[in-house]
PDB file of N, CA and C in Angstrom:
ATOM      1  N   UNK A   1       1.137  14.123  -4.933  1.00  0.00           N
ATOM      2  CA  UNK A   1       1.677  14.432  -3.526  1.00  0.00           C
ATOM      3  C   UNK A   1       3.354  13.714  -3.925  1.00  0.00           C
ATOM      4  N   UNK A   2       4.289  15.146  -3.031  1.00  0.00           N
ATOM      5  CA  UNK A   2       5.635  14.592  -3.923  1.00  0.00           C
ATOM      6  C   UNK A   2       6.317  13.214  -3.265  1.00  0.00           C
ATOM      7  N   UNK A   3       7.206  12.839  -4.153  1.00  0.00           N
ATOM      8  CA  UNK A   3       7.404  11.533  -3.522  1.00  0.00           C
ATOM      9  C   UNK A   3       8.442  11.642  -2.470  1.00  0.00           C
ATOM     10  N   UNK A   4       9.112  12.675  -1.392  1.00  0.00           N
ATOM     11  CA  UNK A   4       9.746  12.274  -0.263  1.00  0.00           C
ATOM     12  C   UNK A   4       8.649  12.629   0.579  1.00  0.00           C
ATOM     13  N   UNK A   5       7.559  13.460   0.090  1.00  0.00           N
ATOM     14  CA  UNK A   5       6.764  13.362   1.070  1.00  0.00           C
ATOM     15  C   UNK A   5       6.317  11.919   1.674  1.00  0.00           C
ATOM     16  N   UNK A   6       5.758  11.514   0.525  1.00  0.00           N
ATOM     17  CA  UNK A   6       5.017  10.189   1.039  1.00  0.00           C
ATOM     18  C   UNK A   6       6.108   9.242   1.360  1.00  0.00           C
ATOM     19  N   UNK A   7       7.250   9.286   0.722  1.00  0.00           N
ATOM     20  CA  UNK A   7       8.713   8.473   1.665  1.00  0.00           C
ATOM     21  C   UNK A   7       8.300   8.814   3.279  1.00  0.00           C
ATOM     22  N   UNK A   8       8.238  10.034   3.587  1.00  0.00           N
ATOM     23  CA  UNK A   8       8.216  10.429   4.731  1.00  0.00           C
ATOM     24  C   UNK A   8       7.229   9.942   5.554  1.00  0.00           C
ATOM     25  N   UNK A   9       6.119   9.728   5.206  1.00  0.00           N
ATOM     26  CA  UNK A   9       5.193   9.299   5.578  1.00  0.00           C
ATOM     27  C   UNK A   9       4.890   7.625   5.817  1.00  0.00           C
ATOM     28  N   UNK A  10       5.731   6.794   5.055  1.00  0.00           N
ATOM     29  CA  UNK A  10       5.880   5.427   5.458  1.00  0.00           C
ATOM     30  C   UNK A  10       5.925   5.319   6.989  1.00  0.00           C
ATOM     31  N   UNK A  11       6.529   6.319   7.583  1.00  0.00           N
ATOM     32  CA  UNK A  11       7.031   5.894   8.765  1.00  0.00           C
ATOM     33  C   UNK A  11       6.220   6.210   9.574  1.00  0.00           C
ATOM     34  N   UNK A  12       5.617   5.446  10.767  1.00  0.00           N
ATOM     35  CA  UNK A  12       4.588   5.880  11.537  1.00  0.00           C
ATOM     36  C   UNK A  12       5.056   6.066  13.086  1.00  0.00           C
ATOM     37  N   UNK A  13       4.222   6.134  14.372  1.00  0.00           N
ATOM     38  CA  UNK A  13       4.650   6.698  15.409  1.00  0.00           C
ATOM     39  C   UNK A  13       4.369   5.352  16.053  1.00  0.00           C
ATOM     40  N   UNK A  14       3.807   4.249  15.360  1.00  0.00           N
ATOM     41  CA  UNK A  14       3.259   3.134  16.394  1.00  0.00           C
ATOM     42  C   UNK A  14       2.054   3.095  16.493  1.00  0.00           C
ATOM     43  N   UNK A  15       1.292   4.380  16.326  1.00  0.00           N
ATOM     44  CA  UNK A  15      -0.287   3.918  16.476  1.00  0.00           C
ATOM     45  C   UNK A  15      -0.807   2.964  15.383  1.00  0.00           C
ATOM     46  N   UNK A  16      -1.967   2.604  15.803  1.00  0.00           N
ATOM     47  CA  UNK A  16      -2.383   1.237  15.126  1.00  0.00           C
ATOM     48  C   UNK A  16      -3.194   2.112  13.896  1.00  0.00           C
ATOM     49  N   UNK A  17      -3.997   3.202  14.039  1.00  0.00           N
ATOM     50  CA  UNK A  17      -4.661   4.110  12.683  1.00  0.00           C
ATOM     51  C   UNK A  17      -3.221   4.337  12.009  1.00  0.00           C
ATOM     52  N   UNK A  18      -2.208   5.082  12.446  1.00  0.00           N
ATOM     53  CA  UNK A  18      -0.863   5.346  11.864  1.00  0.00           C
ATOM     54  C   UNK A  18      -0.024   4.255  11.373  1.00  0.00           C
ATOM     55  N   UNK A  19       0.262   2.991  11.719  1.00  0.00           N
ATOM     56  CA  UNK A  19       0.431   2.149  10.981  1.00  0.00           C
ATOM     57  C   UNK A  19      -0.116   1.606   9.475  1.00  0.00           C
ATOM     58  N   UNK A  20      -1.332   1.604  10.030  1.00  0.00           N
ATOM     59  CA  UNK A  20      -2.023   1.199   8.693  1.00  0.00           C
ATOM     60  C   UNK A  20      -1.950   2.316   7.690  1.00  0.00           C
ATOM     61  N   UNK A  21      -2.406   3.582   8.095  1.00  0.00           N
ATOM     62  CA  UNK A  21      -2.105   4.246   7.002  1.00  0.00           C
ATOM     63  C   UNK A  21      -0.913   5.032   6.525  1.00  0.00           C
ATOM     64  N   UNK A  22       0.075   4.451   6.861  1.00  0.00           N
ATOM     65  CA  UNK A  22       1.840   3.771   6.796  1.00  0.00           C
ATOM     66  C   UNK A  22       1.352   3.123   5.267  1.00  0.00           C
ATOM     67  N   UNK A  23       1.044   1.822   5.693  1.00  0.00           N
ATOM     68  CA  UNK A  23       0.833   0.925   4.776  1.00  0.00           C
ATOM     69  C   UNK A  23       0.318   1.263   3.572  1.00  0.00           C
ATOM     70  N   UNK A  24      -0.286   1.936   3.771  1.00  0.00           N
ATOM     71  CA  UNK A  24      -0.989   2.351   2.156  1.00  0.00           C
ATOM     72  C   UNK A  24      -0.583   3.295   1.562  1.00  0.00           C
ATOM     73  N   UNK A  25       0.007   4.356   2.567  1.00  0.00           N
ATOM     74  CA  UNK A  25       1.080   4.781   1.770  1.00  0.00           C
ATOM     75  C   UNK A  25       2.113   4.661   1.272  1.00  0.00           C
ATOM     76  N   UNK A  26       2.719   3.613   1.614  1.00  0.00           N
ATOM     77  CA  UNK A  26       3.487   2.459   1.148  1.00  0.00           C
ATOM     78  C   UNK A  26       3.041   2.352  -0.297  1.00  0.00           C
ATOM     79  N   UNK A  27       2.031   1.937  -0.227  1.00  0.00           N
ATOM     80  CA  UNK A  27       1.174   1.089  -1.481  1.00  0.00           C
ATOM     81  C   UNK A  27       1.386   1.790  -2.724  1.00  0.00           C
ATOM     82  N   UNK A  28       0.835   3.483  -2.519  1.00  0.00           N
ATOM     83  CA  UNK A  28       0.586   4.216  -3.128  1.00  0.00           C
ATOM     84  C   UNK A  28       2.437   4.606  -3.611  1.00  0.00           C
ATOM     85  N   UNK A  29       2.907   4.749  -2.770  1.00  0.00           N
ATOM     86  CA  UNK A  29       4.413   5.137  -3.451  1.00  0.00           C
ATOM     87  C   UNK A  29       4.789   4.126  -4.183  1.00  0.00           C
ATOM     88  N   UNK A  30       5.098   2.955  -3.812  1.00  0.00           N
ATOM     89  CA  UNK A  30       5.300   1.744  -4.619  1.00  0.00           C
ATOM     90  C   UNK A  30       4.630   2.074  -6.049  1.00  0.00           C
ATOM     91  N   UNK A  31       3.213   2.196  -6.016  1.00  0.00           N
ATOM     92  CA  UNK A  31       2.633   1.886  -7.182  1.00  0.00           C
ATOM     93  C   UNK A  31       2.878   3.191  -8.153  1.00  0.00           C
ATOM     94  N   UNK A  32       3.022   3.865  -8.094  1.00  0.00           N
ATOM     95  CA  UNK A  32       3.638   5.567  -8.505  1.00  0.00           C
ATOM     96  C   UNK A  32       4.970   5.190  -9.293  1.00  0.00           C
ATOM     97  N   UNK A  33       5.825   5.134  -8.577  1.00  0.00           N
ATOM     98  CA  UNK A  33       7.527   4.339  -8.751  1.00  0.00           C
ATOM     99  C   UNK A  33       7.356   3.238  -9.708  1.00  0.00           C
ATOM    100  N   UNK A  34       6.477   2.431  -9.340  1.00  0.00           N
ATOM    101  CA  UNK A  34       6.347   0.948 -10.022  1.00  0.00           C
ATOM    102  C   UNK A  34       5.976   1.178 -11.768  1.00  0.00           C
ATOM    103  N   UNK A  35       5.146   2.335 -11.728  1.00  0.00           N
ATOM    104  CA  UNK A  35       4.368   2.377 -12.952  1.00  0.00           C
ATOM    105  C   UNK A  35       5.500   3.094 -13.523  1.00  0.00           C
ATOM    106  N   UNK A  36       5.609   4.022 -13.350  1.00  0.00           N
ATOM    107  CA  UNK A  36       7.002   4.987 -14.181  1.00  0.00           C
ATOM    108  C   UNK A  36       8.272   3.982 -14.874  1.00  0.00           C
ATOM    109  N   UNK A  37       8.646   3.021 -13.444  1.00  0.00           N
ATOM    110  CA  UNK A  37       9.916   1.764 -13.997  1.00  0.00           C
ATOM    111  C   UNK A  37       9.111   1.159 -15.160  1.00  0.00           C
ATOM    112  N   UNK A  38       7.881   0.597 -14.893  1.00  0.00           N
ATOM    113  CA  UNK A  38       7.390  -0.254 -16.127  1.00  0.00           C
ATOM    114  C   UNK A  38       7.535   0.296 -17.490  1.00  0.00           C
ATOM    115  N   UNK A  39       7.218   1.710 -17.315  1.00  0.00           N
ATOM    116  CA  UNK A  39       7.038   2.564 -18.441  1.00  0.00           C
ATOM    117  C   UNK A  39       8.216   3.155 -19.201  1.00  0.00           C
ATOM    118  N   UNK A  40       9.106   2.840 -18.407  1.00  0.00           N
ATOM    119  CA  UNK A  40      10.468   3.041 -18.830  1.00  0.00           C
ATOM    120  C   UNK A  40      10.998   1.809 -19.682  1.00  0.00           C
ATOM    121  N   UNK A  41      10.751   0.850 -19.066  1.00  0.00           N
ATOM    122  CA  UNK A  41      11.052  -0.441 -19.520  1.00  0.00           C
ATOM    123  C   UNK A  41      10.015  -1.304 -20.411  1.00  0.00           C
ATOM    124  N   UNK A  42       8.942  -0.717 -21.010  1.00  0.00           N
ATOM    125  CA  UNK A  42       8.359  -0.927 -21.843  1.00  0.00           C
ATOM    126  C   UNK A  42       7.309  -2.534 -21.009  1.00  0.00           C
ATOM    127  N   UNK A  43       6.971  -2.029 -19.988  1.00  0.00           N
ATOM    128  CA  UNK A  43       6.750  -3.343 -19.320  1.00  0.00           C
ATOM    129  C   UNK A  43       5.063  -3.134 -19.124  1.00  0.00           C
ATOM    130  N   UNK A  44       4.099  -3.912 -18.502  1.00  0.00           N
ATOM    131  CA  UNK A  44       2.527  -3.552 -18.136  1.00  0.00           C
ATOM    132  C   UNK A  44       2.774  -3.749 -17.208  1.00  0.00           C
ATOM    133  N   UNK A  45       2.167  -2.463 -16.264  1.00  0.00           N
ATOM    134  CA  UNK A  45       1.973  -2.666 -14.725  1.00  0.00           C
ATOM    135  C   UNK A  45       0.929  -3.931 -14.534  1.00  0.00           C
ATOM    136  N   UNK A  46       1.131  -4.470 -13.561  1.00  0.00           N
ATOM    137  CA  UNK A  46       0.117  -5.388 -13.211  1.00  0.00           C
ATOM    138  C   UNK A  46      -0.742  -5.146 -12.187  1.00  0.00           C
ATOM    139  N   UNK A  47      -1.561  -3.846 -12.813  1.00  0.00           N
ATOM    140  CA  UNK A  47      -2.400  -2.746 -12.372  1.00  0.00           C
ATOM    141  C   UNK A  47      -3.889  -3.938 -11.522  1.00  0.00           C
ATOM    142  N   UNK A  48      -3.890  -5.363 -12.028  1.00  0.00           N
ATOM    143  CA  UNK A  48      -4.806  -6.504 -11.163  1.00  0.00           C
ATOM    144  C   UNK A  48      -4.325  -6.676 -10.091  1.00  0.00           C
ATOM    145  N   UNK A  49      -3.145  -7.007 -10.251  1.00  0.00           N
ATOM    146  CA  UNK A  49      -2.571  -7.847  -8.671  1.00  0.00           C
ATOM    147  C   UNK A  49      -2.335  -6.607  -7.810  1.00  0.00           C
ATOM    148  N   UNK A  50      -2.016  -5.290  -8.365  1.00  0.00           N
ATOM    149  CA  UNK A  50      -2.072  -4.215  -7.392  1.00  0.00           C
ATOM    150  C   UNK A  50      -3.581  -4.078  -6.745  1.00  0.00           C
ATOM    151  N   UNK A  51      -4.446  -4.173  -7.549  1.00  0.00           N
ATOM    152  CA  UNK A  51      -5.952  -3.919  -6.978  1.00  0.00           C
ATOM    153  C   UNK A  51      -6.703  -4.849  -5.942  1.00  0.00           C
ATOM    154  N   UNK A  52      -6.223  -5.889  -6.504  1.00  0.00           N
ATOM    155  CA  UNK A  52      -6.142  -7.082  -5.616  1.00  0.00           C
ATOM    156  C   UNK A  52      -5.642  -6.900  -4.567  1.00  0.00           C
ATOM    157  N   UNK A  53      -4.267  -6.771  -4.163  1.00  0.00           N
ATOM    158  CA  UNK A  53      -3.444  -6.441  -2.737  1.00  0.00           C
ATOM    159  C   UNK A  53      -4.225  -5.713  -1.965  1.00  0.00           C
ATOM    160  N   UNK A  54      -4.527  -4.331  -2.836  1.00  0.00           N
ATOM    161  CA  UNK A  54      -4.969  -3.261  -1.883  1.00  0.00           C
ATOM    162  C   UNK A  54      -6.381  -3.770  -1.066  1.00  0.00           C
ATOM    163  N   UNK A  55      -7.004  -4.194  -2.067  1.00  0.00           N
ATOM    164  CA  UNK A  55      -8.282  -4.919  -1.371  1.00  0.00           C
ATOM    165  C   UNK A  55      -8.231  -5.871  -0.235  1.00  0.00           C
ATOM    166  N   UNK A  56      -7.264  -6.583  -0.898  1.00  0.00           N
ATOM    167  CA  UNK A  56      -6.830  -7.732   0.329  1.00  0.00           C
ATOM    168  C   UNK A  56      -6.678  -6.684   2.204  1.00  0.00           C
ATOM    169  N   UNK A  57      -5.490  -6.146   1.725  1.00  0.00           N
ATOM    170  CA  UNK A  57      -5.103  -4.993   2.952  1.00  0.00           C
ATOM    171  C   UNK A  57      -6.135  -4.367   3.764  1.00  0.00           C
ATOM    172  N   UNK A  58      -7.602  -3.846   2.886  1.00  0.00           N
ATOM    173  CA  UNK A  58      -8.155  -2.860   3.306  1.00  0.00           C
ATOM    174  C   UNK A  58      -9.172  -3.989   4.130  1.00  0.00           C
ATOM    175  N   UNK A  59      -9.478  -5.248   3.458  1.00  0.00           N
ATOM    176  CA  UNK A  59     -10.147  -6.152   4.292  1.00  0.00           C
ATOM    177  C   UNK A  59      -9.673  -7.027   5.578  1.00  0.00           C
ATOM    178  N   UNK A  60      -7.903  -6.706   5.324  1.00  0.00           N
ATOM    179  CA  UNK A  60      -7.750  -7.449   7.205  1.00  0.00           C
ATOM    180  C   UNK A  60      -8.058  -6.473   7.814  1.00  0.00           C
ATOM    181  N   UNK A  61      -7.794  -4.811   7.415  1.00  0.00           N
ATOM    182  CA  UNK A  61      -8.030  -3.633   8.307  1.00  0.00           C
ATOM    183  C   UNK A  61      -9.113  -3.665   9.003  1.00  0.00           C
ATOM    184  N   UNK A  62     -10.423  -4.210   8.404  1.00  0.00           N
ATOM    185  CA  UNK A  62     -11.381  -4.221   8.874  1.00  0.00           C
ATOM    186  C   UNK A  62     -11.403  -5.282   9.653  1.00  0.00           C
ATOM    187  N   UNK A  63     -10.574  -6.085  10.031  1.00  0.00           N
ATOM    188  CA  UNK A  63     -10.772  -7.451  10.830  1.00  0.00           C
ATOM    189  C   UNK A  63     -10.606  -7.570  11.979  1.00  0.00           C
ATOM    190  N   UNK A  64     -11.960  -7.328  13.013  1.00  0.00           N
ATOM    191  CA  UNK A  64     -11.445  -7.534  14.414  1.00  0.00           C
ATOM    192  C   UNK A  64     -10.373  -7.818  15.311  1.00  0.00           C
ATOM    193  N   UNK A  65      -9.637  -7.295  15.999  1.00  0.00           N
ATOM    194  CA  UNK A  65      -8.379  -7.574  16.649  1.00  0.00           C
ATOM    195  C   UNK A  65      -8.202  -8.925  17.025  1.00  0.00           C
ATOM    196  N   UNK A  66      -9.546  -9.929  17.199  1.00  0.00           N
ATOM    197  CA  UNK A  66      -9.287 -11.026  18.173  1.00  0.00           C
ATOM    198  C   UNK A  66      -9.909 -12.119  16.501  1.00  0.00           C
ATOM    199  N   UNK A  67     -10.086 -11.549  15.335  1.00  0.00           N
ATOM    200  CA  UNK A  67      -9.896 -12.223  14.240  1.00  0.00           C
ATOM    201  C   UNK A  67      -9.054 -13.552  14.126  1.00  0.00           C
ATOM    202  N   UNK A  68      -9.621 -14.707  13.892  1.00  0.00           N
ATOM    203  CA  UNK A  68      -8.921 -15.913  13.867  1.00  0.00           C
ATOM    204  C   UNK A  68      -8.067 -16.309  12.037  1.00  0.00           C
ATOM    205  N   UNK A  69      -9.685 -15.932  11.619  1.00  0.00           N
ATOM    206  CA  UNK A  69      -9.576 -16.298  10.234  1.00  0.00           C
ATOM    207  C   UNK A  69      -9.283 -14.975   9.395  1.00  0.00           C
ATOM    208  N   UNK A  70      -8.880 -15.188   7.966  1.00  0.00           N
ATOM    209  CA  UNK A  70      -8.764 -14.012   7.697  1.00  0.00           C
ATOM    210  C   UNK A  70     -10.160 -13.780   6.506  1.00  0.00           C
ATOM    211  N   UNK A  71     -10.674 -15.065   5.907  1.00  0.00           N
ATOM    212  CA  UNK A  71     -11.634 -15.191   5.354  1.00  0.00           C
ATOM    213  C   UNK A  71     -12.931 -15.803   5.931  1.00  0.00           C
TER     214      UNK A  71
END
């Protein structure tokens, strides 16, 4: 997906599901750009941190609206 298209999709209309979708698009855009920057500067992109953070967000998204705890 084109980075500019992804950037535009980081903005939502305030709808609950669309806000979550924009969060995940933002993560994907960050991941794409961060990997390029890491490669350019010969750093290792922390894919494990990325994966853990993404799984955490997926977990939070599935929580009921009235959740008092995350885990």
